Amino acid sequence: MQIWIDADACPAEAKDVLFKAARRIGLRLTLVANQPMNYPKSELIRFELVKAGADVADQRIVELLKDGDLVVTADIPLAADAIEKGAIVIDPRGDQLDKNNIGSRLSTRNFLAEFRAAGIQTAGPPPYTPKDKQNFANRLDKLLTKLLRVT
């Protein structure tokens, strides 16, 4: 199992939680982004820089991930593709996305995209809070504990 991070939009606080978790349990973690970023030096942590463009990082993650890998993203289409390929998906706020809820999330996302295309302003996501970080850390810990017991 490996952890993949859609790193362009992942909050720094969530990345810090992931770096600590990867080192603590010895899991390989790969950040994928279209801009350079800082990350701790470790043989477990890699960074893959992709060219700029819509969904280039998302496509690279889907291309490289394997069944049973963990993907961290708030991008709903990426989450859907990763789930279809057999990945476990969690967003940076600690919500797990799976076959049972991804359809409704995609519908909501597409509905809001249609509103924006029609010129109607919609609210973006709320600011990332310490409570979001704590929820993410707790859910990640539970997920990794469960997944590592299975393997």
Protein backbone atom coordinates (compact mmCIF):
# COMPACT_ATOMS: atom_id res chain seq x y z
CA MET A 1 0.00 0.00 0.00
CA GLN A 2 1.10 3.53 -0.77
CA ILE A 3 -0.31 6.97 0.02
CA TRP A 4 -0.92 9.39 -2.86
CA ILE A 5 -1.56 13.08 -2.16
CA ASP A 6 -3.22 15.45 -4.59
CA ALA A 7 -0.80 18.02 -3.24
CA ASP A 8 -1.70 21.26 -5.06
CA ALA A 9 -4.85 21.82 -3.01
CA CYS A 10 -4.10 19.76 0.09
CA PRO A 11 -3.78 22.00 3.16
CA ALA A 12 -0.28 22.12 4.68
CA GLU A 13 -1.73 20.99 8.02
CA ALA A 14 -3.09 17.78 6.44
CA LYS A 15 0.22 17.17 4.67
CA ASP A 16 2.04 17.45 8.00
CA VAL A 17 -0.26 14.79 9.49
CA LEU A 18 0.43 12.55 6.49
CA PHE A 19 4.22 13.01 6.68
CA LYS A 20 4.20 12.00 10.35
CA ALA A 21 1.94 9.00 9.69
CA ALA A 22 4.08 7.77 6.78
CA ARG A 23 7.26 7.92 8.85
CA ARG A 24 5.60 6.39 11.92
CA ILE A 25 4.33 3.31 10.11
CA GLY A 26 6.87 3.11 7.31
CA LEU A 27 4.55 3.70 4.36
CA ARG A 28 5.66 5.22 1.06
CA LEU A 29 3.97 8.56 0.37
CA THR A 30 3.98 10.44 -2.93
CA LEU A 31 2.93 14.05 -3.40
CA VAL A 32 1.84 14.90 -6.93
CA ALA A 33 1.56 18.55 -7.96
CA ASN A 34 2.12 20.93 -10.85
CA GLN A 35 4.22 23.34 -8.81
CA PRO A 36 7.31 22.77 -6.64
CA MET A 37 6.75 22.45 -2.91
CA ASN A 38 8.63 21.76 0.28
CA TYR A 39 8.43 18.39 1.95
CA PRO A 40 10.53 16.53 4.50
CA LYS A 41 13.52 14.62 3.23
CA SER A 42 12.87 10.91 3.73
CA GLU A 43 13.33 7.75 1.72
CA LEU A 44 9.60 7.18 2.27
CA ILE A 45 8.45 10.55 0.89
CA ARG A 46 8.61 11.34 -2.82
CA PHE A 47 7.46 14.30 -4.87
CA GLU A 48 6.38 14.11 -8.47
CA LEU A 49 6.19 17.37 -10.39
CA VAL A 50 3.84 17.22 -13.38
CA LYS A 51 3.41 19.81 -16.10
CA ALA A 52 0.84 22.54 -15.61
CA GLY A 53 -2.66 21.94 -16.87
CA ALA A 54 -6.12 21.01 -15.78
CA ASP A 55 -6.24 17.59 -14.10
CA VAL A 56 -2.66 16.62 -15.06
CA ALA A 57 -1.77 15.75 -11.45
CA ASP A 58 -5.08 13.89 -11.05
CA GLN A 59 -4.45 11.82 -14.16
CA ARG A 60 -0.93 10.97 -12.98
CA ILE A 61 -2.20 9.75 -9.62
CA VAL A 62 -4.82 7.54 -11.28
CA GLU A 63 -2.22 6.22 -13.72
CA LEU A 64 0.19 5.21 -10.95
CA LEU A 65 -2.03 4.06 -8.09
CA LYS A 66 -2.71 0.42 -7.40
CA ASP A 67 -5.68 -1.39 -5.90
CA GLY A 68 -5.65 -0.81 -2.14
CA ASP A 69 -3.61 2.40 -2.20
CA LEU A 70 -4.77 5.40 -0.17
CA VAL A 71 -5.52 8.65 -2.01
CA VAL A 72 -5.91 11.97 -0.20
CA THR A 73 -7.87 14.51 -2.24
CA ALA A 74 -10.74 16.96 -2.11
CA ASP A 75 -11.15 16.65 -5.90
CA ILE A 76 -14.38 14.71 -6.46
CA PRO A 77 -13.69 13.52 -10.04
CA LEU A 78 -10.24 12.29 -8.96
CA ALA A 79 -11.83 10.54 -5.98
CA ALA A 80 -14.33 8.82 -8.29
CA ASP A 81 -11.58 7.64 -10.64
CA ALA A 82 -9.45 6.42 -7.74
CA ILE A 83 -12.37 4.53 -6.18
CA GLU A 84 -13.12 2.92 -9.53
CA LYS A 85 -9.51 1.74 -9.67
CA GLY A 86 -9.76 0.20 -6.17
CA ALA A 87 -8.21 2.91 -4.01
CA ILE A 88 -9.34 4.02 -0.59
CA VAL A 89 -10.06 7.77 -0.64
CA ILE A 90 -10.16 10.30 2.17
CA ASP A 91 -10.45 14.06 1.87
CA PRO A 92 -8.32 16.48 3.94
CA ARG A 93 -11.24 17.09 6.32
CA GLY A 94 -11.47 13.40 7.22
CA ASP A 95 -14.44 12.33 5.10
CA GLN A 96 -13.99 8.94 3.48
CA LEU A 97 -15.32 8.69 -0.06
CA ASP A 98 -16.42 5.32 -1.40
CA LYS A 99 -18.80 3.61 -3.81
CA ASN A 100 -21.71 4.39 -1.50
CA ASN A 101 -21.32 8.18 -1.46
CA ILE A 102 -19.24 9.22 -4.48
CA GLY A 103 -22.25 9.32 -6.84
CA SER A 104 -24.07 11.91 -4.74
CA ARG A 105 -20.87 13.93 -4.32
CA LEU A 106 -20.32 13.94 -8.09
CA SER A 107 -23.93 15.03 -8.67
CA THR A 108 -23.61 17.91 -6.22
CA ARG A 109 -20.29 18.97 -7.71
CA ASN A 110 -21.69 18.90 -11.25
CA PHE A 111 -24.80 20.79 -10.18
CA LEU A 112 -22.70 23.56 -8.63
CA ALA A 113 -20.43 23.65 -11.71
CA GLU A 114 -23.52 24.26 -13.87
CA PHE A 115 -24.51 27.15 -11.59
CA ARG A 116 -21.05 28.68 -11.88
CA ALA A 117 -21.10 28.23 -15.67
CA ALA A 118 -24.39 30.15 -15.72
CA GLY A 119 -22.73 33.03 -13.86
CA ILE A 120 -24.23 32.28 -10.47
CA GLN A 121 -21.73 32.64 -7.65
CA THR A 122 -21.48 29.75 -5.25
CA ALA A 123 -19.61 29.59 -1.98
CA GLY A 124 -16.28 27.84 -1.97
CA PRO A 125 -15.21 25.47 0.75
CA PRO A 126 -14.96 26.90 4.26
CA PRO A 127 -11.51 27.67 5.66
CA TYR A 128 -9.51 24.71 6.95
CA THR A 129 -9.71 24.71 10.76
CA PRO A 130 -7.88 22.99 13.62
CA LYS A 131 -11.02 20.85 14.03
CA ASP A 132 -10.73 19.77 10.37
CA LYS A 133 -7.10 18.79 10.99
CA GLN A 134 -8.07 16.80 14.07
CA ASN A 135 -10.91 15.03 12.21
CA PHE A 136 -8.51 14.20 9.40
CA ALA A 137 -5.81 12.90 11.77
CA ASN A 138 -8.33 10.73 13.66
CA ARG A 139 -9.90 9.27 10.51
CA LEU A 140 -6.50 8.68 8.89
CA ASP A 141 -5.27 6.86 11.99
CA LYS A 142 -8.36 4.62 12.08
CA LEU A 143 -8.13 3.93 8.35
CA LEU A 144 -4.43 3.07 8.42
CA THR A 145 -4.86 0.87 11.47
CA LYS A 146 -7.66 -1.03 9.73
CA LEU A 147 -5.81 -1.27 6.41
CA LEU A 148 -2.55 -2.44 7.94
CA ARG A 149 -4.36 -5.15 9.90
CA VAL A 150 -5.78 -6.51 6.65
CA THR A 151 -2.45 -6.60 4.78
